[in-house]
Amino acid sequence: MATETKRELLDRIEGLETENEVLQSQIDEISDIIGDSGEEEQGSEDDDQGEE
């Protein structure tokens, strides 16, 4: 196993933080679509909330 330099580790952290921001944004979008009562709406075929 090769030892990574501090710069390589910092670059990797930056990449992971960016990826995390993208994934969190997707989670927020999904949350907006299903709304606060998402558990109650599971399986609903006629859920049009959040569609544009």
C-alpha atoms as a PDB file:
ATOM      1  CA  MET A   1       0.000   0.000   0.000  1.00  0.00           C
ATOM      2  CA  ALA A   2       1.517   3.282  -1.099  1.00  0.00           C
ATOM      3  CA  THR A   3       1.608   6.167   1.335  1.00  0.00           C
ATOM      4  CA  GLU A   4      -0.187   9.221   0.021  1.00  0.00           C
ATOM      5  CA  THR A   5       1.284  12.678   0.412  1.00  0.00           C
ATOM      6  CA  LYS A   6      -0.501  15.387   2.368  1.00  0.00           C
ATOM      7  CA  ARG A   7      -1.380  17.160  -0.898  1.00  0.00           C
ATOM      8  CA  GLU A   8      -2.880  13.975  -2.361  1.00  0.00           C
ATOM      9  CA  LEU A   9      -4.930  13.429   0.782  1.00  0.00           C
ATOM     10  CA  LEU A  10      -6.169  17.030   0.761  1.00  0.00           C
ATOM     11  CA  ASP A  11      -7.117  16.699  -2.920  1.00  0.00           C
ATOM     12  CA  ARG A  12      -8.973  13.487  -2.142  1.00  0.00           C
ATOM     13  CA  ILE A  13     -10.821  15.154   0.742  1.00  0.00           C
ATOM     14  CA  GLU A  14     -11.800  18.042  -1.530  1.00  0.00           C
ATOM     15  CA  GLY A  15     -13.139  15.608  -4.126  1.00  0.00           C
ATOM     16  CA  LEU A  16     -15.136  13.709  -1.523  1.00  0.00           C
ATOM     17  CA  GLU A  17     -16.586  16.946  -0.127  1.00  0.00           C
ATOM     18  CA  THR A  18     -17.660  17.980  -3.626  1.00  0.00           C
ATOM     19  CA  GLU A  19     -19.250  14.584  -4.223  1.00  0.00           C
ATOM     20  CA  ASN A  20     -20.994  14.834  -0.858  1.00  0.00           C
ATOM     21  CA  GLU A  21     -22.448  18.241  -1.787  1.00  0.00           C
ATOM     22  CA  VAL A  22     -23.823  16.824  -5.043  1.00  0.00           C
ATOM     23  CA  LEU A  23     -25.374  13.845  -3.276  1.00  0.00           C
ATOM     24  CA  GLN A  24     -26.839  16.054  -0.522  1.00  0.00           C
ATOM     25  CA  SER A  25     -28.376  18.268  -3.197  1.00  0.00           C
ATOM     26  CA  GLN A  26     -29.987  15.204  -4.774  1.00  0.00           C
ATOM     27  CA  ILE A  27     -31.320  14.120  -1.372  1.00  0.00           C
ATOM     28  CA  ASP A  28     -32.785  17.599  -0.847  1.00  0.00           C
ATOM     29  CA  GLU A  29     -34.472  17.480  -4.266  1.00  0.00           C
ATOM     30  CA  ILE A  30     -35.972  14.070  -3.500  1.00  0.00           C
ATOM     31  CA  SER A  31     -37.128  15.315  -0.105  1.00  0.00           C
ATOM     32  CA  ASP A  32     -38.830  18.293  -1.768  1.00  0.00           C
ATOM     33  CA  ILE A  33     -40.630  15.942  -4.154  1.00  0.00           C
ATOM     34  CA  ILE A  34     -41.945  13.553  -1.517  1.00  0.00           C
ATOM     35  CA  GLY A  35     -42.648  16.279   1.027  1.00  0.00           C
ATOM     36  CA  ASP A  36     -42.579  16.095   4.807  1.00  0.00           C
ATOM     37  CA  SER A  37     -45.050  13.203   4.969  1.00  0.00           C
ATOM     38  CA  GLY A  38     -43.129  10.939   2.599  1.00  0.00           C
ATOM     39  CA  GLU A  39     -43.723   7.814   4.668  1.00  0.00           C
ATOM     40  CA  GLU A  40     -47.482   8.244   4.353  1.00  0.00           C
ATOM     41  CA  GLU A  41     -47.259   8.716   0.590  1.00  0.00           C
ATOM     42  CA  GLN A  42     -45.189   5.635  -0.262  1.00  0.00           C
ATOM     43  CA  GLY A  43     -46.831   3.532  -2.923  1.00  0.00           C
ATOM     44  CA  SER A  44     -49.115   6.318  -4.076  1.00  0.00           C
ATOM     45  CA  GLU A  45     -49.506   6.236  -7.852  1.00  0.00           C
ATOM     46  CA  ASP A  46     -51.130   9.678  -8.153  1.00  0.00           C
ATOM     47  CA  ASP A  47     -48.479  11.735  -6.322  1.00  0.00           C
ATOM     48  CA  ASP A  48     -47.851  14.803  -8.488  1.00  0.00           C
ATOM     49  CA  GLN A  49     -46.119  16.934  -5.858  1.00  0.00           C
ATOM     50  CA  GLY A  50     -42.882  18.584  -6.915  1.00  0.00           C
ATOM     51  CA  GLU A  51     -43.325  18.017 -10.643  1.00  0.00           C
ATOM     52  CA  GLU A  52     -42.873  20.990 -12.889  1.00  0.00           C
END
